[in-house]
Amino acid sequence: MLDSPYTPDHIVDYIVQNTLEPLMKNLSKDNLLQLSILDPAMGSGHFLLGVIRFIEDKILEVQSQGKLEHLDPTTVRWQVIRSCIYGVDLNPIAVELGKFSLWIYSAKNGMKLESLDDKLRCGNSLIDNDIFKLKWTENEIFIIEREINPFDYRSKFKEIFVTGGFSAIVSNPPYVFARSKSLSIIEKKYFTEHYFYQNYQANTYPLFIEKCDKLIKSSGRIGMITPNNWCSISTMKPMRNFFAIHTGKLSIININYKVFEEADVDCAIFIYEKCPPSKVTLSISVEPRKYKQINEMNQENLKYLSSFNFKESSYDNISVSIYKKIESNSLNLIEYCDVKSGFVAYEVGKGKPKQNEKMKNNRIYHSQKKLDISYRKYLEGADVCRYFQGWSGTWIKYGENLAAPRNKEIFEGVRILVRQIPNKPPYCIHACITDKNIVHDRNINIVKPHLNCPISIEFILGILNSKALSFWFETKYNKNQRTIFPQFKINEMKSFPIPKYIDEESFTIFFKSVEKIVREIMLYESNENIEYSSKLSFELDHLIYSFFGLTSKEVDWMNNWGSEYLKKAV
């Protein structure tokens, strides 16, 4: 596996303490030394050192109470290493560095260094010897033995599985996409046949989660830090199902700050016990060493959620009621409209002539002026605002030179443009109407009503830009828990709720009222009369609340929804 980013000490300490402490209640020193803790992607041993320090402190604490003979800390450390610590990594250099780190931490003058070869081993934690049961060519078998290096936990650590498995596992597993060239076809084939809570775009860290669950004993515990996308994106639904079915006493902490200096990845910590599902607690950490529990829910519900929402109000009775009313009185956007994404400008190996890395990095087809007739006005995502379309002055050479140009018809005619990256609440979705001959990439999505659509484009725009839709969007997809590239996918946008058309006078009145307000907002947005357009948005929101049947208490809650979020963000 590729190396994981180096985990900060405070994260290691939190995971180690909260994973191991419940196992240590009322244990004697001898019982503490019977614990077995594994890091299956040990790297240079950072997590294992954290485990050693934690168990050492517990033993010295018992010793200070006069319940044990006095032992110096170095002796205690070595006892912990020899009795409790296990590690595996695919990188042989990392394993040797891990051994050295543990030796340095536990060494004292005159002490002979014992081998740790039986405790810290080199191998592929994700691939067992059962890989040889699949059909392979002679050359593939050679690659498996020499490069993939399968690791059979049950034969390498026999003493552990006599008692049912490891007591605990702590780790920061590697994050490698299956589409990455660093994973071979052989590995991908094995993953497909041996892991059951993954998707076609498997990443290695969910594979580690599923593997580790097979390595711990009943009532054992697992604690890890991973990317947080398994909490929210649709393709990770199988992983959420895994947590709903196979874990108990589950705790998930969403981290709202940058954990790794060298990696742009939003992270979450999870800790669970291998026991029947019970309650799950959701917490947030907005700065190092500060954690706040915000929700508790029945773990069974995880199977039905599109995502986990790390906001204090996310699962209270009022918000659930509002969400259900919006869903039950709406149809998906795709029922009324075609929803398309823009073009792809750059991709190495695509376009005519074929693009290279330098062409991509220099954005060679973008320009601040029109160089010839092949150049067209180009919209940035930021050019799309609520009810108003700007233009940053950028042009792009449009044609088969691009990696994936689109049919020109999608950029023509009256249409709604929707910025792909959501804003913070209260208004997450930024959409506007345009009829201009102007192009854009996938930072902007296109909405065109069907020819027989019973509702107008202005009505659809008003719903997309409403607070009610933003609330639904945040509750369902929770994109803003991610600080890095929190864009929504085209299939997610197709599911946006638009009020059901009813051929009745009451709906006609509602429909016409929305249209009228939207047209007025568009007029004042273009004149930058912010105060009046805000007043009109407020009126529009309340009109939509009325259609969805919100009670006065629910309307009050919605009025405060965005402001509460903003206060927390400050």
Protein backbone atom coordinates (compact mmCIF):
# COMPACT_ATOMS: atom_id res chain seq x y z
CA MET A 1 0.00 0.00 0.00
CA LEU A 2 1.02 3.60 -0.44
CA ASP A 3 2.06 5.40 2.69
CA SER A 4 -0.67 7.18 4.62
CA PRO A 5 -0.12 10.79 5.63
CA TYR A 6 1.71 11.14 8.94
CA THR A 7 -0.92 11.24 11.68
CA PRO A 8 -0.61 14.08 14.24
CA ASP A 9 0.06 12.97 17.83
CA HIS A 10 -3.20 14.37 19.19
CA ILE A 11 -5.20 12.25 16.70
CA VAL A 12 -3.19 9.13 17.56
CA ASP A 13 -3.67 9.74 21.29
CA TYR A 14 -7.43 10.28 20.91
CA ILE A 15 -7.95 7.12 18.86
CA VAL A 16 -5.74 4.98 21.09
CA GLN A 17 -7.31 6.19 24.33
CA ASN A 18 -10.92 5.90 23.20
CA THR A 19 -10.38 2.54 21.52
CA LEU A 20 -8.42 0.88 24.35
CA GLU A 21 -9.76 2.44 27.54
CA PRO A 22 -13.09 0.53 27.56
CA LEU A 23 -11.09 -2.71 27.32
CA MET A 24 -8.95 -1.83 30.33
CA LYS A 25 -11.51 -1.26 33.05
CA ASN A 26 -10.57 -3.14 36.22
CA LEU A 27 -7.78 -5.08 34.51
CA SER A 28 -4.68 -6.11 36.46
CA LYS A 29 -1.20 -5.63 35.06
CA ASP A 30 -1.07 -9.23 33.88
CA ASN A 31 -4.43 -8.87 32.18
CA LEU A 32 -3.33 -5.61 30.55
CA LEU A 33 -0.39 -7.48 29.07
CA GLN A 34 -2.79 -10.05 27.60
CA LEU A 35 -4.28 -7.42 25.28
CA SER A 36 -3.29 -7.75 21.62
CA ILE A 37 -3.32 -4.60 19.51
CA LEU A 38 -2.70 -4.51 15.76
CA ASP A 39 -1.94 -1.80 13.22
CA PRO A 40 -2.43 -3.48 9.80
CA ALA A 41 -0.84 -0.52 7.97
CA MET A 42 1.79 0.31 10.57
CA GLY A 43 4.13 2.49 8.52
CA SER A 44 6.97 3.51 10.82
CA GLY A 45 5.00 2.51 13.93
CA HIS A 46 3.44 5.81 14.99
CA PHE A 47 0.16 4.29 16.20
CA LEU A 48 1.95 1.39 17.86
CA LEU A 49 4.11 3.81 19.84
CA GLY A 50 0.93 5.53 20.95
CA VAL A 51 -0.43 2.17 22.14
CA ILE A 52 2.76 1.39 24.03
CA ARG A 53 2.71 4.76 25.80
CA PHE A 54 -0.95 4.35 26.75
CA ILE A 55 -0.64 0.82 28.18
CA GLU A 56 2.63 1.79 29.88
CA ASP A 57 0.90 4.71 31.61
CA LYS A 58 -1.90 2.42 32.81
CA ILE A 59 0.55 -0.08 34.26
CA LEU A 60 2.62 2.63 35.96
CA GLU A 61 -0.61 4.09 37.36
CA VAL A 62 -1.48 0.73 38.95
CA GLN A 63 2.10 0.45 40.16
CA SER A 64 1.97 3.90 41.81
CA GLN A 65 -0.99 2.73 43.87
CA GLY A 66 1.25 0.12 45.48
CA LYS A 67 -0.50 -2.78 43.80
CA LEU A 68 2.57 -3.94 41.85
CA GLU A 69 6.26 -4.47 42.40
CA HIS A 70 8.25 -1.49 41.19
CA LEU A 71 9.46 -1.77 37.60
CA ASP A 72 11.31 0.94 35.73
CA PRO A 73 9.47 2.42 32.71
CA THR A 74 11.88 0.86 30.20
CA THR A 75 11.15 -2.63 31.48
CA VAL A 76 7.42 -1.93 31.34
CA ARG A 77 7.73 -0.67 27.77
CA TRP A 78 9.53 -3.79 26.64
CA GLN A 79 6.96 -6.01 28.34
CA VAL A 80 4.21 -4.16 26.48
CA ILE A 81 6.02 -4.49 23.15
CA ARG A 82 6.64 -8.21 23.57
CA SER A 83 3.16 -8.97 24.91
CA CYS A 84 0.73 -6.63 23.17
CA ILE A 85 2.02 -5.12 19.94
CA TYR A 86 1.50 -6.40 16.39
CA GLY A 87 2.05 -4.64 13.09
CA VAL A 88 1.99 -5.34 9.35
CA ASP A 89 2.95 -3.23 6.35
CA LEU A 90 3.56 -3.92 2.67
CA ASN A 91 6.63 -1.68 2.65
CA PRO A 92 9.64 -3.58 4.10
CA ILE A 93 11.50 -0.34 4.79
CA ALA A 94 8.56 0.94 6.86
CA VAL A 95 8.55 -2.28 8.89
CA GLU A 96 12.26 -1.93 9.66
CA LEU A 97 11.76 1.72 10.64
CA GLY A 98 8.93 0.62 12.91
CA LYS A 99 11.16 -1.92 14.63
CA PHE A 100 13.83 0.73 15.08
CA SER A 101 11.32 3.21 16.57
CA LEU A 102 10.15 0.65 19.12
CA TRP A 103 13.71 -0.32 19.99
CA ILE A 104 14.72 3.30 20.51
CA TYR A 105 11.70 3.95 22.73
CA SER A 106 12.30 0.90 24.93
CA ALA A 107 16.10 0.65 24.97
CA LYS A 108 18.34 1.22 27.99
CA ASN A 109 22.08 0.94 28.56
CA GLY A 110 23.33 -2.62 28.55
CA MET A 111 20.04 -4.00 27.25
CA LYS A 112 20.31 -6.52 24.44
CA LEU A 113 17.89 -5.76 21.59
CA GLU A 114 15.64 -8.72 20.89
CA SER A 115 14.21 -9.46 17.48
CA LEU A 116 10.75 -8.14 16.68
CA ASP A 117 10.43 -10.17 13.48
CA ASP A 118 7.60 -12.22 14.96
CA LYS A 119 5.63 -9.09 15.95
CA LEU A 120 6.19 -6.63 13.12
CA ARG A 121 5.92 -8.27 9.71
CA CYS A 122 6.00 -7.37 6.04
CA GLY A 123 3.01 -8.34 3.92
CA ASN A 124 -0.18 -7.25 2.20
CA SER A 125 -2.87 -6.95 4.87
CA LEU A 126 -5.67 -6.87 2.30
CA ILE A 127 -4.76 -10.07 0.46
CA ASP A 128 -4.69 -13.49 2.11
CA ASN A 129 -3.17 -16.73 0.82
CA ASP A 130 -6.58 -17.68 -0.53
CA ILE A 131 -5.64 -15.57 -3.55
CA PHE A 132 -3.92 -18.70 -4.87
CA LYS A 133 -7.30 -20.46 -5.05
CA LEU A 134 -8.25 -18.21 -7.97
CA LYS A 135 -7.14 -19.07 -11.51
CA TRP A 136 -3.89 -17.37 -12.50
CA THR A 137 -1.23 -17.75 -15.17
CA GLU A 138 2.31 -18.72 -14.15
CA ASN A 139 3.44 -15.14 -14.65
CA GLU A 140 0.59 -13.83 -12.48
CA ILE A 141 1.50 -16.29 -9.71
CA PHE A 142 5.07 -15.00 -9.87
CA ILE A 143 3.79 -11.40 -9.51
CA ILE A 144 1.56 -12.39 -6.59
CA GLU A 145 4.42 -14.02 -4.71
CA ARG A 146 7.05 -11.39 -5.45
CA GLU A 147 5.15 -8.08 -5.59
CA ILE A 148 1.73 -8.46 -4.00
CA ASN A 149 3.10 -10.50 -1.06
CA PRO A 150 -0.11 -11.98 0.45
CA PHE A 151 -0.24 -12.09 4.23
CA ASP A 152 -1.98 -14.90 6.10
CA TYR A 153 -2.82 -13.50 9.54
CA ARG A 154 -3.98 -16.84 10.92
CA SER A 155 -0.70 -18.59 10.21
CA LYS A 156 1.62 -15.66 10.98
CA PHE A 157 -0.08 -14.79 14.29
CA LYS A 158 -1.42 -18.20 15.36
CA GLU A 159 -1.45 -17.33 19.06
CA ILE A 160 -3.90 -14.48 18.44
CA PHE A 161 -6.56 -16.54 16.70
CA VAL A 162 -6.49 -19.26 19.34
CA THR A 163 -8.41 -16.70 21.45
CA GLY A 164 -10.61 -15.49 18.59
CA GLY A 165 -8.64 -12.55 17.20
CA PHE A 166 -7.05 -9.26 18.22
CA SER A 167 -8.31 -7.28 21.22
CA ALA A 168 -8.13 -4.03 19.27
CA ILE A 169 -7.00 -2.48 16.00
CA VAL A 170 -5.91 1.14 15.56
CA SER A 171 -4.72 2.61 12.28
CA ASN A 172 -4.59 5.28 9.61
CA PRO A 173 -5.03 3.03 6.56
CA PRO A 174 -3.80 4.02 3.08
CA TYR A 175 -6.13 5.90 0.76
CA VAL A 176 -5.64 4.48 -2.74
CA PHE A 177 -8.37 4.41 -5.40
CA ALA A 178 -8.85 1.21 -7.38
CA ARG A 179 -8.55 3.29 -10.56
CA SER A 180 -5.02 4.21 -9.45
CA LYS A 181 -2.22 2.64 -11.47
CA SER A 182 -0.60 1.61 -8.17
CA LEU A 183 -3.17 -1.20 -7.88
CA SER A 184 -2.74 -4.12 -10.26
CA ILE A 185 -5.46 -5.96 -12.15
CA ILE A 186 -4.70 -8.96 -9.93
CA GLU A 187 -5.39 -6.97 -6.77
CA LYS A 188 -8.60 -5.49 -8.18
CA LYS A 189 -9.85 -8.96 -9.12
CA TYR A 190 -9.16 -10.23 -5.61
CA PHE A 191 -10.87 -7.25 -3.97
CA THR A 192 -13.97 -7.76 -6.14
CA GLU A 193 -14.30 -11.40 -5.09
CA HIS A 194 -13.43 -11.09 -1.39
CA TYR A 195 -14.85 -7.77 -0.18
CA PHE A 196 -18.58 -7.23 -0.08
CA TYR A 197 -19.23 -3.66 1.12
CA GLN A 198 -17.35 -1.87 -1.64
CA ASN A 199 -18.31 -0.30 -4.94
CA TYR A 200 -16.87 -0.40 -8.44
CA GLN A 201 -14.59 2.54 -7.56
CA ALA A 202 -13.17 0.85 -4.48
CA ASN A 203 -10.68 2.71 -2.34
CA THR A 204 -8.28 0.76 -0.15
CA TYR A 205 -9.31 2.33 3.15
CA PRO A 206 -12.83 0.79 3.15
CA LEU A 207 -11.18 -2.54 2.31
CA PHE A 208 -9.06 -2.17 5.44
CA ILE A 209 -12.18 -1.49 7.51
CA GLU A 210 -13.89 -4.64 6.23
CA LYS A 211 -10.72 -6.72 6.66
CA CYS A 212 -10.07 -5.54 10.20
CA ASP A 213 -13.56 -6.49 11.29
CA LYS A 214 -12.61 -10.09 10.47
CA LEU A 215 -9.44 -9.87 12.56
CA ILE A 216 -10.84 -8.74 15.92
CA LYS A 217 -12.45 -10.98 18.49
CA SER A 218 -15.98 -10.62 19.81
CA SER A 219 -16.14 -7.45 21.95
CA GLY A 220 -12.89 -6.28 20.37
CA ARG A 221 -12.60 -2.64 19.31
CA ILE A 222 -11.45 -0.78 16.20
CA GLY A 223 -10.43 2.88 15.90
CA MET A 224 -9.28 4.58 12.69
CA ILE A 225 -8.93 7.92 10.96
CA THR A 226 -10.00 7.86 7.30
CA PRO A 227 -11.36 10.22 4.65
CA ASN A 228 -14.88 11.28 5.63
CA ASN A 229 -16.43 10.72 2.19
CA TRP A 230 -17.83 7.37 3.34
CA CYS A 231 -20.19 9.41 5.54
CA SER A 232 -21.81 11.27 2.67
CA ILE A 233 -21.27 10.23 -0.94
CA SER A 234 -23.77 7.93 -2.63
CA THR A 235 -21.19 5.39 -3.83
CA MET A 236 -20.20 4.75 -0.21
CA LYS A 237 -23.69 3.59 0.79
CA PRO A 238 -22.43 -0.04 1.08
CA MET A 239 -19.89 1.13 3.66
CA ARG A 240 -22.60 2.87 5.69
CA ASN A 241 -24.58 -0.38 5.55
CA PHE A 242 -21.53 -2.20 6.90
CA PHE A 243 -21.40 0.10 9.92
CA ALA A 244 -25.14 -0.31 10.46
CA ILE A 245 -24.97 -4.11 10.44
CA HIS A 246 -21.57 -5.13 11.81
CA THR A 247 -20.67 -2.62 14.50
CA GLY A 248 -21.86 -1.65 17.96
CA LYS A 249 -21.28 1.32 20.27
CA LEU A 250 -20.27 3.26 17.17
CA SER A 251 -18.79 6.73 17.50
CA ILE A 252 -18.08 8.93 14.44
CA ILE A 253 -16.22 12.23 14.72
CA ASN A 254 -16.18 14.54 11.70
CA ILE A 255 -13.04 16.71 11.66
CA ASN A 256 -13.66 20.24 10.41
CA TYR A 257 -10.04 21.34 10.07
CA LYS A 258 -7.08 20.26 7.97
CA VAL A 259 -5.47 17.26 9.66
CA PHE A 260 -2.64 16.50 7.25
CA GLU A 261 -0.38 19.24 5.95
CA GLU A 262 0.74 17.12 3.02
CA ALA A 263 -2.69 15.87 1.91
CA ASP A 264 -5.92 17.67 0.95
CA VAL A 265 -8.39 15.25 2.47
CA ASP A 266 -11.35 15.79 4.79
CA CYS A 267 -11.22 13.29 7.62
CA ALA A 268 -13.34 11.48 10.15
CA ILE A 269 -12.52 9.24 13.10
CA PHE A 270 -14.61 6.20 13.86
CA ILE A 271 -14.43 3.87 16.84
CA TYR A 272 -16.62 0.84 17.40
CA GLU A 273 -16.96 -2.42 19.30
CA LYS A 274 -17.64 -5.79 17.70
CA CYS A 275 -21.00 -6.35 19.32
CA PRO A 276 -24.67 -6.10 18.29
CA PRO A 277 -25.69 -2.67 16.88
CA SER A 278 -27.02 -0.21 19.44
CA LYS A 279 -26.59 3.57 19.42
CA VAL A 280 -24.34 5.68 17.24
CA THR A 281 -22.98 9.02 18.44
CA LEU A 282 -22.02 11.74 15.97
CA SER A 283 -19.49 14.36 17.03
CA ILE A 284 -17.48 17.16 15.48
CA SER A 285 -14.01 18.53 16.06
CA VAL A 286 -13.48 22.09 14.83
CA GLU A 287 -9.94 22.38 16.19
CA PRO A 288 -7.31 19.98 17.53
CA ARG A 289 -8.13 18.28 20.87
CA LYS A 290 -11.66 19.70 21.03
CA TYR A 291 -14.56 17.32 20.45
CA LYS A 292 -18.29 17.96 20.77
CA GLN A 293 -21.05 15.35 20.63
CA ILE A 294 -23.95 16.67 18.59
CA ASN A 295 -26.24 13.73 17.91
CA GLU A 296 -27.19 10.27 19.04
CA MET A 297 -29.38 7.94 17.02
CA ASN A 298 -30.44 4.33 16.64
CA GLN A 299 -27.74 2.53 14.69
CA GLU A 300 -30.32 0.68 12.61
CA ASN A 301 -31.22 4.01 10.96
CA LEU A 302 -27.80 4.21 9.30
CA LYS A 303 -29.06 1.86 6.57
CA TYR A 304 -31.71 4.36 5.50
CA LEU A 305 -29.70 7.59 5.51
CA SER A 306 -28.24 9.07 2.33
CA SER A 307 -25.49 10.60 4.49
CA PHE A 308 -24.59 11.44 8.08
CA ASN A 309 -25.34 15.04 8.99
CA PHE A 310 -22.94 16.46 11.55
CA LYS A 311 -25.12 19.31 12.76
CA GLU A 312 -26.86 19.55 16.11
CA SER A 313 -30.30 20.04 14.60
CA SER A 314 -30.02 17.37 11.92
CA TYR A 315 -32.10 14.61 13.47
CA ASP A 316 -34.50 16.40 15.80
CA ASN A 317 -38.25 15.89 15.39
CA ILE A 318 -38.91 19.25 13.72
CA SER A 319 -36.23 18.91 11.05
CA VAL A 320 -37.27 15.32 10.27
CA SER A 321 -40.89 16.47 9.89
CA ILE A 322 -39.90 19.29 7.51
CA TYR A 323 -37.73 16.96 5.45
CA LYS A 324 -40.55 14.42 5.09
CA LYS A 325 -43.04 17.11 4.04
CA ILE A 326 -40.72 18.35 1.30
CA GLU A 327 -40.12 14.81 0.04
CA SER A 328 -43.77 13.75 0.08
CA ASN A 329 -44.98 16.82 -1.85
CA SER A 330 -42.32 16.81 -4.56
CA LEU A 331 -41.10 15.07 -7.68
CA ASN A 332 -37.46 14.75 -8.68
CA LEU A 333 -36.10 17.54 -10.88
CA ILE A 334 -35.43 14.99 -13.62
CA GLU A 335 -39.21 14.47 -13.95
CA TYR A 336 -39.54 18.06 -15.22
CA CYS A 337 -36.16 18.79 -16.81
CA ASP A 338 -33.08 17.50 -18.57
CA VAL A 339 -30.05 17.92 -16.34
CA LYS A 340 -26.62 18.04 -17.98
CA SER A 341 -23.06 18.85 -16.98
CA GLY A 342 -20.57 21.00 -18.89
CA PHE A 343 -17.51 19.94 -20.87
CA VAL A 344 -14.13 18.66 -19.68
CA ALA A 345 -11.43 21.04 -20.86
CA TYR A 346 -8.27 19.19 -19.94
CA GLU A 347 -7.21 15.58 -19.52
CA VAL A 348 -3.83 14.13 -20.40
CA GLY A 349 -4.07 11.99 -23.54
CA LYS A 350 -7.41 13.45 -24.65
CA GLY A 351 -8.27 16.09 -27.27
CA LYS A 352 -6.84 16.79 -30.73
CA PRO A 353 -3.93 17.20 -30.56
CA LYS A 354 -3.58 14.93 -27.51
CA GLN A 355 -2.98 16.96 -24.39
CA ASN A 356 0.07 16.51 -22.18
CA GLU A 357 0.65 17.45 -18.55
CA LYS A 358 2.15 20.83 -19.42
CA MET A 359 -0.83 21.78 -21.61
CA LYS A 360 -3.21 20.81 -18.82
CA ASN A 361 -1.34 22.65 -16.07
CA ASN A 362 -0.98 25.81 -18.17
CA ARG A 363 -4.66 25.77 -19.23
CA ILE A 364 -3.45 26.60 -22.72
CA TYR A 365 -6.92 26.99 -24.26
CA HIS A 366 -8.09 29.61 -21.75
CA SER A 367 -7.49 33.28 -22.55
CA GLN A 368 -8.41 36.72 -21.28
CA LYS A 369 -9.24 37.84 -24.83
CA LYS A 370 -10.82 36.41 -27.97
CA LEU A 371 -7.86 35.26 -30.06
CA ASP A 372 -9.86 34.00 -33.08
CA ILE A 373 -13.38 32.88 -34.05
CA SER A 374 -12.93 29.51 -32.30
CA TYR A 375 -12.87 31.25 -28.91
CA ARG A 376 -16.13 31.47 -26.95
CA LYS A 377 -17.07 33.23 -23.75
CA TYR A 378 -16.34 30.96 -20.79
CA LEU A 379 -18.11 30.95 -17.42
CA GLU A 380 -16.34 30.20 -14.16
CA GLY A 381 -18.39 28.58 -11.40
CA ALA A 382 -18.24 31.84 -9.45
CA ASP A 383 -19.98 33.63 -12.34
CA VAL A 384 -23.21 31.86 -11.41
CA CYS A 385 -24.99 33.62 -8.53
CA ARG A 386 -28.51 33.39 -7.16
CA TYR A 387 -30.74 34.78 -9.93
CA PHE A 388 -27.84 36.54 -11.68
CA GLN A 389 -25.16 35.52 -14.15
CA GLY A 390 -21.90 37.44 -14.31
CA TRP A 391 -18.85 36.97 -16.51
CA SER A 392 -15.22 37.12 -15.39
CA GLY A 393 -13.95 38.00 -18.87
CA THR A 394 -12.46 34.58 -19.68
CA TRP A 395 -12.55 32.99 -23.14
CA ILE A 396 -11.83 29.41 -24.22
CA LYS A 397 -10.87 27.84 -27.54
CA TYR A 398 -13.84 25.53 -28.08
CA GLY A 399 -13.72 22.44 -30.28
CA GLU A 400 -12.18 19.01 -30.57
CA ASN A 401 -9.03 20.38 -28.93
CA LEU A 402 -10.81 19.97 -25.58
CA ALA A 403 -10.68 16.70 -23.66
CA ALA A 404 -14.45 16.16 -23.79
CA PRO A 405 -16.43 18.90 -25.58
CA ARG A 406 -20.22 18.75 -25.39
CA ASN A 407 -22.85 19.08 -28.09
CA LYS A 408 -23.18 22.81 -28.69
CA GLU A 409 -26.99 22.69 -28.31
CA ILE A 410 -26.76 22.32 -24.53
CA PHE A 411 -25.14 25.78 -24.37
CA GLU A 412 -27.91 27.41 -26.39
CA GLY A 413 -31.43 28.61 -25.62
CA VAL A 414 -33.10 29.53 -22.36
CA ARG A 415 -31.77 27.41 -19.53
CA ILE A 416 -30.92 27.37 -15.84
CA LEU A 417 -27.28 27.33 -14.78
CA VAL A 418 -26.47 25.80 -11.39
CA ARG A 419 -23.11 26.24 -9.69
CA GLN A 420 -21.71 22.79 -8.82
CA ILE A 421 -20.02 23.82 -5.57
CA PRO A 422 -22.68 24.61 -2.96
CA ASN A 423 -22.56 27.67 -0.77
CA LYS A 424 -22.93 27.59 3.01
CA PRO A 425 -26.50 27.76 4.39
CA PRO A 426 -28.99 29.34 4.40
CA TYR A 427 -28.82 29.38 0.57
CA CYS A 428 -26.65 26.52 -0.64
CA ILE A 429 -27.76 26.37 -4.26
CA HIS A 430 -26.81 29.18 -6.63
CA ALA A 431 -28.78 29.16 -9.87
CA CYS A 432 -29.72 31.66 -12.58
CA ILE A 433 -31.44 31.81 -15.96
CA THR A 434 -29.52 32.62 -19.13
CA ASP A 435 -30.14 32.63 -22.87
CA LYS A 436 -26.60 33.71 -23.79
CA ASN A 437 -24.32 31.79 -26.14
CA ILE A 438 -21.72 31.03 -23.49
CA VAL A 439 -19.93 27.81 -22.47
CA HIS A 440 -18.61 26.27 -19.26
CA ASP A 441 -17.10 23.12 -17.82
CA ARG A 442 -18.43 20.80 -15.11
CA ASN A 443 -18.25 23.52 -12.48
CA ILE A 444 -21.72 24.44 -13.75
CA ASN A 445 -24.71 22.19 -14.47
CA ILE A 446 -27.46 22.90 -17.00
CA VAL A 447 -31.20 22.51 -16.42
CA LYS A 448 -33.58 22.65 -19.40
CA PRO A 449 -37.33 22.04 -18.89
CA HIS A 450 -38.89 19.32 -21.05
CA LEU A 451 -40.94 20.53 -24.00
CA ASN A 452 -44.16 19.45 -22.27
CA CYS A 453 -43.13 20.66 -18.81
CA PRO A 454 -46.25 21.93 -16.96
CA ILE A 455 -44.29 24.46 -14.90
CA SER A 456 -42.20 27.41 -16.02
CA ILE A 457 -38.45 27.85 -15.90
CA GLU A 458 -38.88 30.79 -13.49
CA PHE A 459 -40.85 28.58 -11.08
CA ILE A 460 -38.13 25.92 -11.16
CA LEU A 461 -35.46 28.57 -10.58
CA GLY A 462 -37.30 29.89 -7.53
CA ILE A 463 -37.49 26.43 -5.98
CA LEU A 464 -33.81 25.70 -6.66
CA ASN A 465 -32.76 28.98 -5.01
CA SER A 466 -35.10 28.59 -2.03
CA LYS A 467 -34.15 28.00 1.57
CA ALA A 468 -36.43 24.94 1.66
CA LEU A 469 -34.43 23.22 -1.07
CA SER A 470 -31.14 24.20 0.58
CA PHE A 471 -32.35 22.67 3.85
CA TRP A 472 -33.35 19.47 2.04
CA PHE A 473 -30.00 19.40 0.21
CA GLU A 474 -27.98 19.84 3.41
CA THR A 475 -30.01 17.22 5.26
CA LYS A 476 -29.84 14.63 2.49
CA TYR A 477 -26.33 15.09 1.13
CA ASN A 478 -24.53 17.12 3.80
CA LYS A 479 -21.90 18.36 1.35
CA ASN A 480 -20.76 21.22 3.55
CA GLN A 481 -19.25 18.88 6.12
CA ARG A 482 -16.47 18.56 3.55
CA THR A 483 -14.10 21.51 3.43
CA ILE A 484 -12.34 20.38 0.25
CA PHE A 485 -14.24 20.28 -3.07
CA PRO A 486 -17.76 19.83 -1.66
CA GLN A 487 -19.43 19.70 -5.09
CA PHE A 488 -22.58 17.72 -5.78
CA LYS A 489 -22.86 15.12 -8.54
CA ILE A 490 -25.17 15.34 -11.53
CA ASN A 491 -27.23 12.35 -10.31
CA GLU A 492 -27.69 14.04 -6.95
CA MET A 493 -28.96 17.16 -8.66
CA LYS A 494 -31.45 15.12 -10.67
CA SER A 495 -33.06 14.14 -7.35
CA PHE A 496 -33.65 17.75 -6.21
CA PRO A 497 -37.29 18.09 -5.04
CA ILE A 498 -39.64 20.24 -7.15
CA PRO A 499 -43.27 20.64 -5.97
CA LYS A 500 -45.67 18.19 -7.58
CA TYR A 501 -47.76 19.77 -10.29
CA ILE A 502 -51.47 19.55 -9.48
CA ASP A 503 -54.10 20.68 -11.96
CA GLU A 504 -56.00 22.64 -9.33
CA GLU A 505 -56.65 26.32 -8.74
CA SER A 506 -54.69 26.38 -5.46
CA PHE A 507 -51.54 25.15 -7.22
CA THR A 508 -52.04 27.64 -10.05
CA ILE A 509 -52.17 30.49 -7.53
CA PHE A 510 -49.01 29.19 -5.83
CA PHE A 511 -47.28 28.69 -9.18
CA LYS A 512 -48.13 32.19 -10.45
CA SER A 513 -47.08 33.79 -7.15
CA VAL A 514 -43.67 32.10 -7.26
CA GLU A 515 -43.19 33.15 -10.89
CA LYS A 516 -44.03 36.78 -10.10
CA ILE A 517 -41.62 37.00 -7.14
CA VAL A 518 -38.81 35.32 -9.08
CA ARG A 519 -39.13 37.75 -11.99
CA GLU A 520 -39.03 40.66 -9.57
CA ILE A 521 -35.97 39.24 -7.76
CA MET A 522 -34.16 38.83 -11.09
CA LEU A 523 -34.86 42.46 -11.91
CA TYR A 524 -33.52 43.74 -8.58
CA GLU A 525 -30.57 41.32 -8.44
CA SER A 526 -29.30 42.74 -11.72
CA ASN A 527 -29.64 46.24 -10.23
CA GLU A 528 -27.83 45.09 -7.06
CA ASN A 529 -30.70 46.19 -4.82
CA ILE A 530 -29.67 43.63 -2.20
CA GLU A 531 -32.01 44.77 0.56
CA TYR A 532 -35.16 44.54 -1.54
CA SER A 533 -34.18 41.27 -3.23
CA SER A 534 -33.54 39.77 0.24
CA LYS A 535 -37.04 40.81 1.27
CA LEU A 536 -38.45 39.16 -1.84
CA SER A 537 -36.46 35.97 -1.11
CA PHE A 538 -37.97 35.91 2.38
CA GLU A 539 -41.48 36.21 0.89
CA LEU A 540 -40.72 33.45 -1.60
CA ASP A 541 -39.43 31.14 1.13
CA HIS A 542 -42.61 31.58 3.17
CA LEU A 543 -44.76 30.96 0.12
CA ILE A 544 -42.94 27.66 -0.41
CA TYR A 545 -43.24 26.73 3.30
CA SER A 546 -46.98 27.21 2.96
CA PHE A 547 -47.16 24.89 -0.05
CA PHE A 548 -45.26 22.16 1.82
CA GLY A 549 -47.65 22.50 4.78
CA LEU A 550 -45.14 23.62 7.41
CA THR A 551 -46.59 24.54 10.80
CA SER A 552 -45.87 27.92 12.40
CA LYS A 553 -43.35 26.21 14.69
CA GLU A 554 -41.62 24.63 11.69
CA VAL A 555 -41.57 27.97 9.87
CA ASP A 556 -39.90 29.59 12.90
CA TRP A 557 -37.37 26.77 12.91
CA MET A 558 -36.62 27.32 9.21
CA ASN A 559 -36.24 31.07 9.75
CA ASN A 560 -33.45 30.32 12.23
CA TRP A 561 -31.85 27.44 10.38
CA GLY A 562 -29.34 29.40 8.34
CA SER A 563 -28.49 31.91 11.06
CA GLU A 564 -27.75 29.11 13.53
CA TYR A 565 -25.35 27.54 11.05
CA LEU A 566 -23.57 30.83 10.42
CA LYS A 567 -23.09 31.45 14.14
CA LYS A 568 -21.44 28.05 14.53
CA ALA A 569 -19.19 28.70 11.56
CA VAL A 570 -17.88 31.99 12.92
